[in-house]
Amino acid sequence: AQLGATGPVAKQYGQVAGDLYAGAIVESVSDGAEIVKGIARNGLLPPEATQGQVKTLATQVASAASVMGEDVSKVSRSVGVMMKNGLAKSAEEALDVLVKGSQNGVDAAEDLLDTFAEYPTEFRQLGLDAQTSMGLLQQGLKGGARDADTVADSLKEFTLMAQSMEEATADAYTSLGFNAEKMQKVFQKGGPEAAKALDQVLDKLRGVKDPAKQSELALGLFGTKAEDMQKAMFSLDPSSAVKALGDVKGATDAAGTALHDNAATKIEAFKRGIEQKLVGAIGNYAIPVIEKLVNWLGAGGLGGAFSAGAAFVSEHSTALSIAAG
């Protein structure tokens, strides 16, 4: 109802939610439904996606949320924003980057998902993809930055100052050997050329030997964010950011295997599988027969008793299935 889905699509979503619960991926069917809702609302899959594709992605979202200790809706939202801004080509790629970043300590302040929900537009303007962006955040934190948001905010400020190119910023570019007017146009246009220019500027800034001059230039390029970053600013290096992050491909699936490939989960999945089949059998076969009998007998007398009985069976089907297990 929340998605406006009807007919076959609603049935598909419901089956996925049930499968996630039966497979012990989530704690309840409603948790499974919450994941499916996030996937649909944030455009993580095309409308023609198969039930298998929806289930696979839903499982990955659940795994990422568990590893990060975050709500599934926040995971879906961040992944959606990353995809819409072109940082990741697919939801799987975005999830892998988020999981890898979390495993590498980039989520130490528990602000990683918020950072990738807020700053992808700025990352895109700088020509950065998801892996490079995450790598830069990791470099900044290892260099001493307070949190991921501080690093991302400094990159945002750098972009804005380069685009406006006020006197202090122009002087900083000139001191580093760049043409301020050309650099302004590059960062206003954005894209790959902006990414290349960012790398060159940071390289030049790191090469300044005089600490006082280096701090002055950083202030001209990053504004007050240079004060927030301090020496962590000089840890940022786009050309090595991806390598520093490490291999991200398959990070979510590997985390899911670690979470779910164990005896306890398999036993729970077995119990839930029995429960699901029993509930399905009661709903598909027993209840319709009882309802027909009630209609035949009428609402009064035995019909009322059978109606109450049907309600009892429906209400307690879960308890019955657990007892059967």
C-alpha atoms as a PDB file:
ATOM      1  CA  ALA A   1       0.000   0.000   0.000  1.00  0.00           C
ATOM      2  CA  GLN A   2       2.866   2.413   0.829  1.00  0.00           C
ATOM      3  CA  LEU A   3       4.409   1.805  -2.599  1.00  0.00           C
ATOM      4  CA  GLY A   4       1.153   1.837  -4.536  1.00  0.00           C
ATOM      5  CA  ALA A   5       2.006  -1.620  -5.825  1.00  0.00           C
ATOM      6  CA  THR A   6      -0.817  -3.864  -6.945  1.00  0.00           C
ATOM      7  CA  GLY A   7      -1.293  -7.249  -8.573  1.00  0.00           C
ATOM      8  CA  PRO A   8       1.787  -9.217  -9.644  1.00  0.00           C
ATOM      9  CA  VAL A   9       4.235  -6.580  -8.341  1.00  0.00           C
ATOM     10  CA  ALA A  10       2.693  -6.596  -4.861  1.00  0.00           C
ATOM     11  CA  LYS A  11       2.749 -10.394  -4.880  1.00  0.00           C
ATOM     12  CA  GLN A  12       6.414 -10.397  -5.889  1.00  0.00           C
ATOM     13  CA  TYR A  13       7.344  -7.964  -3.096  1.00  0.00           C
ATOM     14  CA  GLY A  14       5.400 -10.019  -0.555  1.00  0.00           C
ATOM     15  CA  GLN A  15       7.103 -13.238  -1.614  1.00  0.00           C
ATOM     16  CA  VAL A  16      10.539 -11.650  -1.285  1.00  0.00           C
ATOM     17  CA  ALA A  17       9.717 -10.365   2.204  1.00  0.00           C
ATOM     18  CA  GLY A  18       8.558 -13.849   3.194  1.00  0.00           C
ATOM     19  CA  ASP A  19      11.646 -15.478   1.706  1.00  0.00           C
ATOM     20  CA  LEU A  20      13.948 -13.137   3.647  1.00  0.00           C
ATOM     21  CA  TYR A  21      12.227 -14.130   6.877  1.00  0.00           C
ATOM     22  CA  ALA A  22      12.166 -17.841   6.037  1.00  0.00           C
ATOM     23  CA  GLY A  23      15.880 -17.717   5.210  1.00  0.00           C
ATOM     24  CA  ALA A  24      16.674 -16.113   8.607  1.00  0.00           C
ATOM     25  CA  ILE A  25      18.034 -13.021   6.849  1.00  0.00           C
ATOM     26  CA  VAL A  26      15.695 -10.734   8.814  1.00  0.00           C
ATOM     27  CA  GLU A  27      13.904 -11.104  12.143  1.00  0.00           C
ATOM     28  CA  SER A  28      10.365 -10.658  10.844  1.00  0.00           C
ATOM     29  CA  VAL A  29       8.361 -10.455   7.637  1.00  0.00           C
ATOM     30  CA  SER A  30       7.789  -6.753   8.348  1.00  0.00           C
ATOM     31  CA  ASP A  31      11.580  -6.233   8.427  1.00  0.00           C
ATOM     32  CA  GLY A  32      11.766  -7.905   5.020  1.00  0.00           C
ATOM     33  CA  ALA A  33       8.988  -5.664   3.741  1.00  0.00           C
ATOM     34  CA  GLU A  34      10.883  -2.593   4.988  1.00  0.00           C
ATOM     35  CA  ILE A  35      13.909  -3.586   2.904  1.00  0.00           C
ATOM     36  CA  VAL A  36      11.802  -4.158  -0.210  1.00  0.00           C
ATOM     37  CA  LYS A  37      10.133  -0.797   0.316  1.00  0.00           C
ATOM     38  CA  GLY A  38      13.509   0.967   0.521  1.00  0.00           C
ATOM     39  CA  ILE A  39      14.755  -0.748  -2.627  1.00  0.00           C
ATOM     40  CA  ALA A  40      11.650   0.261  -4.574  1.00  0.00           C
ATOM     41  CA  ARG A  41      11.427   3.840  -3.294  1.00  0.00           C
ATOM     42  CA  ASN A  42      15.077   4.685  -3.889  1.00  0.00           C
ATOM     43  CA  GLY A  43      15.232   3.208  -7.402  1.00  0.00           C
ATOM     44  CA  LEU A  44      17.854   0.572  -6.629  1.00  0.00           C
ATOM     45  CA  LEU A  45      16.449  -1.784  -9.278  1.00  0.00           C
ATOM     46  CA  PRO A  46      14.665  -1.249 -12.602  1.00  0.00           C
ATOM     47  CA  PRO A  47      10.873  -1.800 -12.643  1.00  0.00           C
ATOM     48  CA  GLU A  48      11.270  -4.989 -14.699  1.00  0.00           C
ATOM     49  CA  ALA A  49      13.571  -6.627 -12.133  1.00  0.00           C
ATOM     50  CA  THR A  50      12.826 -10.297 -11.492  1.00  0.00           C
ATOM     51  CA  GLN A  51      11.873 -11.687  -8.114  1.00  0.00           C
ATOM     52  CA  GLY A  52      15.310 -13.297  -7.894  1.00  0.00           C
ATOM     53  CA  GLN A  53      17.046  -9.968  -8.489  1.00  0.00           C
ATOM     54  CA  VAL A  54      14.924  -8.250  -5.857  1.00  0.00           C
ATOM     55  CA  LYS A  55      15.674 -11.001  -3.342  1.00  0.00           C
ATOM     56  CA  THR A  56      19.427 -10.904  -4.041  1.00  0.00           C
ATOM     57  CA  LEU A  57      19.622  -7.142  -3.599  1.00  0.00           C
ATOM     58  CA  ALA A  58      17.376  -7.230  -0.528  1.00  0.00           C
ATOM     59  CA  THR A  59      19.723  -9.784   1.041  1.00  0.00           C
ATOM     60  CA  GLN A  60      22.713  -7.550   0.282  1.00  0.00           C
ATOM     61  CA  VAL A  61      20.993  -4.502   1.812  1.00  0.00           C
ATOM     62  CA  ALA A  62      20.228  -6.545   4.937  1.00  0.00           C
ATOM     63  CA  SER A  63      23.853  -7.700   5.137  1.00  0.00           C
ATOM     64  CA  ALA A  64      25.213  -4.173   4.701  1.00  0.00           C
ATOM     65  CA  ALA A  65      22.876  -2.806   7.365  1.00  0.00           C
ATOM     66  CA  SER A  66      23.925  -5.553   9.809  1.00  0.00           C
ATOM     67  CA  VAL A  67      27.638  -4.980   9.224  1.00  0.00           C
ATOM     68  CA  MET A  68      27.274  -1.212   9.633  1.00  0.00           C
ATOM     69  CA  GLY A  69      24.828  -1.432  12.529  1.00  0.00           C
ATOM     70  CA  GLU A  70      22.464   0.858  10.650  1.00  0.00           C
ATOM     71  CA  ASP A  71      18.810   0.939   9.677  1.00  0.00           C
ATOM     72  CA  VAL A  72      18.044  -0.655   6.303  1.00  0.00           C
ATOM     73  CA  SER A  73      16.160   2.442   5.151  1.00  0.00           C
ATOM     74  CA  LYS A  74      19.283   4.602   5.619  1.00  0.00           C
ATOM     75  CA  VAL A  75      21.353   2.115   3.639  1.00  0.00           C
ATOM     76  CA  SER A  76      18.874   2.141   0.741  1.00  0.00           C
ATOM     77  CA  ARG A  77      18.680   5.936   0.768  1.00  0.00           C
ATOM     78  CA  SER A  78      22.462   6.406   0.605  1.00  0.00           C
ATOM     79  CA  VAL A  79      22.809   3.816  -2.156  1.00  0.00           C
ATOM     80  CA  GLY A  80      20.038   5.534  -4.134  1.00  0.00           C
ATOM     81  CA  VAL A  81      21.725   8.948  -3.880  1.00  0.00           C
ATOM     82  CA  MET A  82      25.085   7.455  -4.912  1.00  0.00           C
ATOM     83  CA  MET A  83      23.519   5.892  -8.001  1.00  0.00           C
ATOM     84  CA  LYS A  84      21.561   9.004  -8.999  1.00  0.00           C
ATOM     85  CA  ASN A  85      24.745  11.078  -8.883  1.00  0.00           C
ATOM     86  CA  GLY A  86      26.714   8.559 -10.922  1.00  0.00           C
ATOM     87  CA  LEU A  87      29.150   7.619  -8.150  1.00  0.00           C
ATOM     88  CA  ALA A  88      28.229   3.953  -8.563  1.00  0.00           C
ATOM     89  CA  LYS A  89      26.945   2.133 -11.642  1.00  0.00           C
ATOM     90  CA  SER A  90      24.832  -0.293  -9.641  1.00  0.00           C
ATOM     91  CA  ALA A  91      23.385  -0.805  -6.188  1.00  0.00           C
ATOM     92  CA  GLU A  92      25.748  -3.745  -5.662  1.00  0.00           C
ATOM     93  CA  GLU A  93      28.788  -1.543  -6.359  1.00  0.00           C
ATOM     94  CA  ALA A  94      27.546   1.145  -3.976  1.00  0.00           C
ATOM     95  CA  LEU A  95      26.887  -1.410  -1.230  1.00  0.00           C
ATOM     96  CA  ASP A  96      30.335  -2.956  -1.672  1.00  0.00           C
ATOM     97  CA  VAL A  97      31.972   0.462  -1.265  1.00  0.00           C
ATOM     98  CA  LEU A  98      29.925   1.268   1.846  1.00  0.00           C
ATOM     99  CA  VAL A  99      30.655  -2.111   3.438  1.00  0.00           C
ATOM    100  CA  LYS A 100      34.384  -1.890   2.649  1.00  0.00           C
ATOM    101  CA  GLY A 101      34.549   1.643   4.023  1.00  0.00           C
ATOM    102  CA  SER A 102      32.817   0.562   7.210  1.00  0.00           C
ATOM    103  CA  GLN A 103      35.172  -2.399   7.619  1.00  0.00           C
ATOM    104  CA  ASN A 104      38.151  -0.043   7.140  1.00  0.00           C
ATOM    105  CA  GLY A 105      36.992   2.243   9.934  1.00  0.00           C
ATOM    106  CA  VAL A 106      35.562   5.114   7.867  1.00  0.00           C
ATOM    107  CA  ASP A 107      32.307   4.820   9.832  1.00  0.00           C
ATOM    108  CA  ALA A 108      34.047   5.293  13.194  1.00  0.00           C
ATOM    109  CA  ALA A 109      31.826   8.289  13.984  1.00  0.00           C
ATOM    110  CA  GLU A 110      28.738   6.514  12.602  1.00  0.00           C
ATOM    111  CA  ASP A 111      28.254   9.221   9.992  1.00  0.00           C
ATOM    112  CA  LEU A 112      29.192   7.338   6.825  1.00  0.00           C
ATOM    113  CA  LEU A 113      25.676   6.802   5.473  1.00  0.00           C
ATOM    114  CA  ASP A 114      24.743  10.412   6.226  1.00  0.00           C
ATOM    115  CA  THR A 115      27.894  11.566   4.428  1.00  0.00           C
ATOM    116  CA  PHE A 116      27.027   9.582   1.302  1.00  0.00           C
ATOM    117  CA  ALA A 117      23.446  10.831   1.442  1.00  0.00           C
ATOM    118  CA  GLU A 118      24.562  14.469   1.700  1.00  0.00           C
ATOM    119  CA  TYR A 119      27.720  14.912  -0.389  1.00  0.00           C
ATOM    120  CA  PRO A 120      27.447  12.815  -3.599  1.00  0.00           C
ATOM    121  CA  THR A 121      26.564  15.951  -5.584  1.00  0.00           C
ATOM    122  CA  GLU A 122      29.856  17.544  -4.498  1.00  0.00           C
ATOM    123  CA  PHE A 123      31.784  14.338  -5.182  1.00  0.00           C
ATOM    124  CA  ARG A 124      30.272  14.210  -8.666  1.00  0.00           C
ATOM    125  CA  GLN A 125      31.237  17.825  -9.328  1.00  0.00           C
ATOM    126  CA  LEU A 126      34.829  16.938  -8.451  1.00  0.00           C
ATOM    127  CA  GLY A 127      34.703  13.979 -10.841  1.00  0.00           C
ATOM    128  CA  LEU A 128      35.046  11.428  -8.041  1.00  0.00           C
ATOM    129  CA  ASP A 129      33.451   7.986  -8.131  1.00  0.00           C
ATOM    130  CA  ALA A 130      32.344   6.029  -5.064  1.00  0.00           C
ATOM    131  CA  GLN A 131      35.647   4.225  -4.514  1.00  0.00           C
ATOM    132  CA  THR A 132      37.781   7.351  -4.825  1.00  0.00           C
ATOM    133  CA  SER A 133      35.438   9.305  -2.557  1.00  0.00           C
ATOM    134  CA  MET A 134      35.556   6.585   0.084  1.00  0.00           C
ATOM    135  CA  GLY A 135      39.327   6.329  -0.267  1.00  0.00           C
ATOM    136  CA  LEU A 136      39.708  10.074   0.328  1.00  0.00           C
ATOM    137  CA  LEU A 137      37.522   9.879   3.429  1.00  0.00           C
ATOM    138  CA  GLN A 138      39.673   7.014   4.703  1.00  0.00           C
ATOM    139  CA  GLN A 139      42.892   8.959   4.036  1.00  0.00           C
ATOM    140  CA  GLY A 140      41.536  11.984   5.869  1.00  0.00           C
ATOM    141  CA  LEU A 141      40.538   9.964   8.912  1.00  0.00           C
ATOM    142  CA  LYS A 142      43.893   8.172   9.037  1.00  0.00           C
ATOM    143  CA  GLY A 143      45.510  11.601   8.825  1.00  0.00           C
ATOM    144  CA  GLY A 144      43.635  12.730  11.934  1.00  0.00           C
ATOM    145  CA  ALA A 145      40.341  14.207  10.717  1.00  0.00           C
ATOM    146  CA  ARG A 146      37.524  14.125  13.249  1.00  0.00           C
ATOM    147  CA  ASP A 147      35.024  12.216  11.100  1.00  0.00           C
ATOM    148  CA  ALA A 148      33.960  11.442   7.537  1.00  0.00           C
ATOM    149  CA  ASP A 149      31.659  14.459   7.405  1.00  0.00           C
ATOM    150  CA  THR A 150      34.561  16.825   8.126  1.00  0.00           C
ATOM    151  CA  VAL A 151      36.594  15.424   5.223  1.00  0.00           C
ATOM    152  CA  ALA A 152      33.634  15.560   2.843  1.00  0.00           C
ATOM    153  CA  ASP A 153      32.750  19.082   3.937  1.00  0.00           C
ATOM    154  CA  SER A 154      36.305  20.258   3.240  1.00  0.00           C
ATOM    155  CA  LEU A 155      36.048  18.923  -0.325  1.00  0.00           C
ATOM    156  CA  LYS A 156      32.732  20.711  -0.716  1.00  0.00           C
ATOM    157  CA  GLU A 157      34.265  23.978   0.505  1.00  0.00           C
ATOM    158  CA  PHE A 158      37.214  23.525  -1.855  1.00  0.00           C
ATOM    159  CA  THR A 159      34.801  23.193  -4.795  1.00  0.00           C
ATOM    160  CA  LEU A 160      32.764  26.241  -3.841  1.00  0.00           C
ATOM    161  CA  MET A 161      35.831  28.414  -3.305  1.00  0.00           C
ATOM    162  CA  ALA A 162      37.369  27.337  -6.607  1.00  0.00           C
ATOM    163  CA  GLN A 163      34.123  28.118  -8.429  1.00  0.00           C
ATOM    164  CA  SER A 164      33.759  31.588  -6.895  1.00  0.00           C
ATOM    165  CA  MET A 165      37.549  32.251  -7.017  1.00  0.00           C
ATOM    166  CA  GLU A 166      37.811  35.190  -4.660  1.00  0.00           C
ATOM    167  CA  GLU A 167      41.111  37.042  -4.196  1.00  0.00           C
ATOM    168  CA  ALA A 168      42.603  34.808  -1.464  1.00  0.00           C
ATOM    169  CA  THR A 169      41.784  31.673  -3.466  1.00  0.00           C
ATOM    170  CA  ALA A 170      43.177  33.125  -6.702  1.00  0.00           C
ATOM    171  CA  ASP A 171      46.388  34.084  -4.902  1.00  0.00           C
ATOM    172  CA  ALA A 172      46.717  30.540  -3.548  1.00  0.00           C
ATOM    173  CA  TYR A 173      46.378  29.028  -7.038  1.00  0.00           C
ATOM    174  CA  THR A 174      48.868  31.496  -8.472  1.00  0.00           C
ATOM    175  CA  SER A 175      51.360  30.749  -5.686  1.00  0.00           C
ATOM    176  CA  LEU A 176      51.123  27.060  -6.517  1.00  0.00           C
ATOM    177  CA  GLY A 177      51.809  27.750 -10.201  1.00  0.00           C
ATOM    178  CA  PHE A 178      48.265  27.477 -11.584  1.00  0.00           C
ATOM    179  CA  ASN A 179      46.236  29.870 -13.710  1.00  0.00           C
ATOM    180  CA  ALA A 180      43.411  30.894 -11.389  1.00  0.00           C
ATOM    181  CA  GLU A 181      40.965  31.712 -14.187  1.00  0.00           C
ATOM    182  CA  LYS A 182      41.493  28.362 -15.900  1.00  0.00           C
ATOM    183  CA  MET A 183      41.138  26.486 -12.605  1.00  0.00           C
ATOM    184  CA  GLN A 184      37.873  28.294 -11.922  1.00  0.00           C
ATOM    185  CA  LYS A 185      36.455  27.137 -15.250  1.00  0.00           C
ATOM    186  CA  VAL A 186      37.630  23.555 -14.640  1.00  0.00           C
ATOM    187  CA  PHE A 187      35.875  23.298 -11.284  1.00  0.00           C
ATOM    188  CA  GLN A 188      32.772  25.044 -12.577  1.00  0.00           C
ATOM    189  CA  LYS A 189      32.514  22.450 -15.332  1.00  0.00           C
ATOM    190  CA  GLY A 190      33.354  19.506 -13.079  1.00  0.00           C
ATOM    191  CA  GLY A 191      33.902  15.910 -14.176  1.00  0.00           C
ATOM    192  CA  PRO A 192      37.171  14.079 -14.955  1.00  0.00           C
ATOM    193  CA  GLU A 193      39.150  17.287 -15.560  1.00  0.00           C
ATOM    194  CA  ALA A 194      38.146  18.507 -12.112  1.00  0.00           C
ATOM    195  CA  ALA A 195      39.315  15.238 -10.554  1.00  0.00           C
ATOM    196  CA  LYS A 196      42.673  15.588 -12.304  1.00  0.00           C
ATOM    197  CA  ALA A 197      43.004  19.216 -11.195  1.00  0.00           C
ATOM    198  CA  LEU A 198      42.130  18.325  -7.578  1.00  0.00           C
ATOM    199  CA  ASP A 199      44.911  15.734  -7.550  1.00  0.00           C
ATOM    200  CA  GLN A 200      47.411  18.241  -8.977  1.00  0.00           C
ATOM    201  CA  VAL A 201      46.473  20.951  -6.463  1.00  0.00           C
ATOM    202  CA  LEU A 202      46.793  18.600  -3.504  1.00  0.00           C
ATOM    203  CA  ASP A 203      50.153  17.321  -4.773  1.00  0.00           C
ATOM    204  CA  LYS A 204      51.453  20.879  -5.078  1.00  0.00           C
ATOM    205  CA  LEU A 205      50.113  21.788  -1.648  1.00  0.00           C
ATOM    206  CA  ARG A 206      51.855  18.813  -0.029  1.00  0.00           C
ATOM    207  CA  GLY A 207      55.094  19.863  -1.702  1.00  0.00           C
ATOM    208  CA  VAL A 208      55.228  23.251   0.036  1.00  0.00           C
ATOM    209  CA  LYS A 209      58.092  23.001   2.562  1.00  0.00           C
ATOM    210  CA  ASP A 210      57.371  26.061   4.706  1.00  0.00           C
ATOM    211  CA  PRO A 211      54.640  25.046   7.241  1.00  0.00           C
ATOM    212  CA  ALA A 212      53.417  28.628   7.641  1.00  0.00           C
ATOM    213  CA  LYS A 213      53.118  29.133   3.876  1.00  0.00           C
ATOM    214  CA  GLN A 214      51.474  25.733   3.491  1.00  0.00           C
ATOM    215  CA  SER A 215      48.829  26.619   6.079  1.00  0.00           C
ATOM    216  CA  GLU A 216      48.223  29.985   4.409  1.00  0.00           C
ATOM    217  CA  LEU A 217      47.689  28.352   1.014  1.00  0.00           C
ATOM    218  CA  ALA A 218      45.406  25.675   2.518  1.00  0.00           C
ATOM    219  CA  LEU A 219      43.286  28.430   4.044  1.00  0.00           C
ATOM    220  CA  GLY A 220      43.003  30.115   0.654  1.00  0.00           C
ATOM    221  CA  LEU A 221      41.942  26.848  -1.012  1.00  0.00           C
ATOM    222  CA  PHE A 222      39.717  25.306   1.669  1.00  0.00           C
ATOM    223  CA  GLY A 223      38.649  28.268   3.783  1.00  0.00           C
ATOM    224  CA  THR A 224      37.915  27.594   7.447  1.00  0.00           C
ATOM    225  CA  LYS A 225      37.718  23.853   6.696  1.00  0.00           C
ATOM    226  CA  ALA A 226      41.519  23.931   6.556  1.00  0.00           C
ATOM    227  CA  GLU A 227      41.386  24.771  10.268  1.00  0.00           C
ATOM    228  CA  ASP A 228      39.113  21.785  10.910  1.00  0.00           C
ATOM    229  CA  MET A 229      41.308  19.412   8.921  1.00  0.00           C
ATOM    230  CA  GLN A 230      44.776  20.721   9.885  1.00  0.00           C
ATOM    231  CA  LYS A 231      47.481  18.202   8.841  1.00  0.00           C
ATOM    232  CA  ALA A 232      44.838  15.678   7.772  1.00  0.00           C
ATOM    233  CA  MET A 233      44.396  17.908   4.710  1.00  0.00           C
ATOM    234  CA  PHE A 234      47.783  16.820   3.406  1.00  0.00           C
ATOM    235  CA  SER A 235      46.832  13.135   3.631  1.00  0.00           C
ATOM    236  CA  LEU A 236      44.332  13.494   0.779  1.00  0.00           C
ATOM    237  CA  ASP A 237      45.651  12.027  -2.471  1.00  0.00           C
ATOM    238  CA  PRO A 238      43.075  11.046  -5.141  1.00  0.00           C
ATOM    239  CA  SER A 239      45.673   9.158  -7.201  1.00  0.00           C
ATOM    240  CA  SER A 240      46.228   6.622  -4.391  1.00  0.00           C
ATOM    241  CA  ALA A 241      42.816   6.709  -2.723  1.00  0.00           C
ATOM    242  CA  VAL A 242      41.375   3.661  -4.501  1.00  0.00           C
ATOM    243  CA  LYS A 243      44.467   1.555  -3.833  1.00  0.00           C
ATOM    244  CA  ALA A 244      44.448   2.597  -0.177  1.00  0.00           C
ATOM    245  CA  LEU A 245      40.810   1.524   0.144  1.00  0.00           C
ATOM    246  CA  GLY A 246      41.565  -1.954  -1.202  1.00  0.00           C
ATOM    247  CA  ASP A 247      39.508  -4.376  -3.268  1.00  0.00           C
ATOM    248  CA  VAL A 248      35.816  -3.657  -2.750  1.00  0.00           C
ATOM    249  CA  LYS A 249      34.205  -6.069  -5.211  1.00  0.00           C
ATOM    250  CA  GLY A 250      32.155  -8.737  -3.434  1.00  0.00           C
ATOM    251  CA  ALA A 251      32.567  -7.134   0.006  1.00  0.00           C
ATOM    252  CA  THR A 252      28.826  -7.254   0.728  1.00  0.00           C
ATOM    253  CA  ASP A 253      28.377 -10.894  -0.289  1.00  0.00           C
ATOM    254  CA  ALA A 254      31.432 -11.889   1.745  1.00  0.00           C
ATOM    255  CA  ALA A 255      30.022 -10.089   4.770  1.00  0.00           C
ATOM    256  CA  GLY A 256      26.666 -11.798   4.243  1.00  0.00           C
ATOM    257  CA  THR A 257      28.340 -15.195   4.155  1.00  0.00           C
ATOM    258  CA  ALA A 258      30.142 -14.442   7.400  1.00  0.00           C
ATOM    259  CA  LEU A 259      26.856 -13.385   8.993  1.00  0.00           C
ATOM    260  CA  HIS A 260      24.605 -16.188   7.790  1.00  0.00           C
ATOM    261  CA  ASP A 261      26.742 -19.230   6.944  1.00  0.00           C
ATOM    262  CA  ASN A 262      26.706 -20.824  10.387  1.00  0.00           C
ATOM    263  CA  ALA A 263      24.867 -23.609  12.197  1.00  0.00           C
ATOM    264  CA  ALA A 264      22.597 -21.370  14.279  1.00  0.00           C
ATOM    265  CA  THR A 265      21.307 -19.493  11.227  1.00  0.00           C
ATOM    266  CA  LYS A 266      20.778 -22.704   9.274  1.00  0.00           C
ATOM    267  CA  ILE A 267      18.748 -24.233  12.124  1.00  0.00           C
ATOM    268  CA  GLU A 268      16.657 -21.075  12.399  1.00  0.00           C
ATOM    269  CA  ALA A 269      16.070 -21.056   8.634  1.00  0.00           C
ATOM    270  CA  PHE A 270      14.994 -24.712   8.807  1.00  0.00           C
ATOM    271  CA  LYS A 271      12.453 -23.955  11.563  1.00  0.00           C
ATOM    272  CA  ARG A 272      11.106 -20.949   9.698  1.00  0.00           C
ATOM    273  CA  GLY A 273      10.847 -22.960   6.503  1.00  0.00           C
ATOM    274  CA  ILE A 274       8.589 -25.465   8.258  1.00  0.00           C
ATOM    275  CA  GLU A 275       6.593 -22.614   9.778  1.00  0.00           C
ATOM    276  CA  GLN A 276       6.132 -20.922   6.417  1.00  0.00           C
ATOM    277  CA  LYS A 277       4.947 -24.114   4.745  1.00  0.00           C
ATOM    278  CA  LEU A 278       2.503 -24.911   7.557  1.00  0.00           C
ATOM    279  CA  VAL A 279       1.081 -21.396   7.612  1.00  0.00           C
ATOM    280  CA  GLY A 280       0.779 -21.481   3.834  1.00  0.00           C
ATOM    281  CA  ALA A 281      -1.019 -24.821   3.918  1.00  0.00           C
ATOM    282  CA  ILE A 282      -3.472 -23.603   6.547  1.00  0.00           C
ATOM    283  CA  GLY A 283      -4.099 -20.358   4.664  1.00  0.00           C
ATOM    284  CA  ASN A 284      -4.406 -21.969   1.240  1.00  0.00           C
ATOM    285  CA  TYR A 285      -6.384 -25.100   2.107  1.00  0.00           C
ATOM    286  CA  ALA A 286      -7.807 -25.244   5.645  1.00  0.00           C
ATOM    287  CA  ILE A 287      -9.225 -21.738   6.015  1.00  0.00           C
ATOM    288  CA  PRO A 288     -11.033 -21.663   2.619  1.00  0.00           C
ATOM    289  CA  VAL A 289     -12.733 -25.008   3.434  1.00  0.00           C
ATOM    290  CA  ILE A 290     -13.820 -23.753   6.852  1.00  0.00           C
ATOM    291  CA  GLU A 291     -15.123 -20.507   5.333  1.00  0.00           C
ATOM    292  CA  LYS A 292     -17.192 -22.434   2.751  1.00  0.00           C
ATOM    293  CA  LEU A 293     -18.604 -24.603   5.524  1.00  0.00           C
ATOM    294  CA  VAL A 294     -19.491 -21.543   7.582  1.00  0.00           C
ATOM    295  CA  ASN A 295     -21.280 -19.985   4.635  1.00  0.00           C
ATOM    296  CA  TRP A 296     -23.198 -23.200   4.063  1.00  0.00           C
ATOM    297  CA  LEU A 297     -24.248 -23.490   7.718  1.00  0.00           C
ATOM    298  CA  GLY A 298     -25.024 -19.800   8.123  1.00  0.00           C
ATOM    299  CA  ALA A 299     -23.761 -17.166  10.515  1.00  0.00           C
ATOM    300  CA  GLY A 300     -25.666 -18.482  13.548  1.00  0.00           C
ATOM    301  CA  GLY A 301     -25.378 -21.721  15.480  1.00  0.00           C
ATOM    302  CA  LEU A 302     -22.622 -24.016  14.284  1.00  0.00           C
ATOM    303  CA  GLY A 303     -21.604 -21.373  11.703  1.00  0.00           C
ATOM    304  CA  GLY A 304     -20.571 -19.020  14.495  1.00  0.00           C
ATOM    305  CA  ALA A 305     -18.568 -21.747  16.175  1.00  0.00           C
ATOM    306  CA  PHE A 306     -16.792 -22.665  12.957  1.00  0.00           C
ATOM    307  CA  SER A 307     -16.089 -18.973  12.322  1.00  0.00           C
ATOM    308  CA  ALA A 308     -14.509 -18.634  15.741  1.00  0.00           C
ATOM    309  CA  GLY A 309     -12.553 -21.816  15.133  1.00  0.00           C
ATOM    310  CA  ALA A 310     -11.232 -20.533  11.839  1.00  0.00           C
ATOM    311  CA  ALA A 311     -10.149 -17.291  13.497  1.00  0.00           C
ATOM    312  CA  PHE A 312      -8.410 -19.274  16.244  1.00  0.00           C
ATOM    313  CA  VAL A 313      -6.521 -21.448  13.754  1.00  0.00           C
ATOM    314  CA  SER A 314      -5.466 -18.422  11.728  1.00  0.00           C
ATOM    315  CA  GLU A 315      -4.350 -16.485  14.794  1.00  0.00           C
ATOM    316  CA  HIS A 316      -2.371 -19.344  16.292  1.00  0.00           C
ATOM    317  CA  SER A 317      -0.901 -20.839  13.108  1.00  0.00           C
ATOM    318  CA  THR A 318       2.554 -19.540  13.976  1.00  0.00           C
ATOM    319  CA  ALA A 319       2.470 -21.142  17.426  1.00  0.00           C
ATOM    320  CA  LEU A 320       1.245 -24.377  15.878  1.00  0.00           C
ATOM    321  CA  SER A 321       4.064 -24.364  13.351  1.00  0.00           C
ATOM    322  CA  ILE A 322       6.679 -23.818  16.040  1.00  0.00           C
ATOM    323  CA  ALA A 323       5.228 -26.672  18.046  1.00  0.00           C
ATOM    324  CA  ALA A 324       5.334 -28.836  14.935  1.00  0.00           C
ATOM    325  CA  GLY A 325       8.999 -27.882  14.445  1.00  0.00           C
END
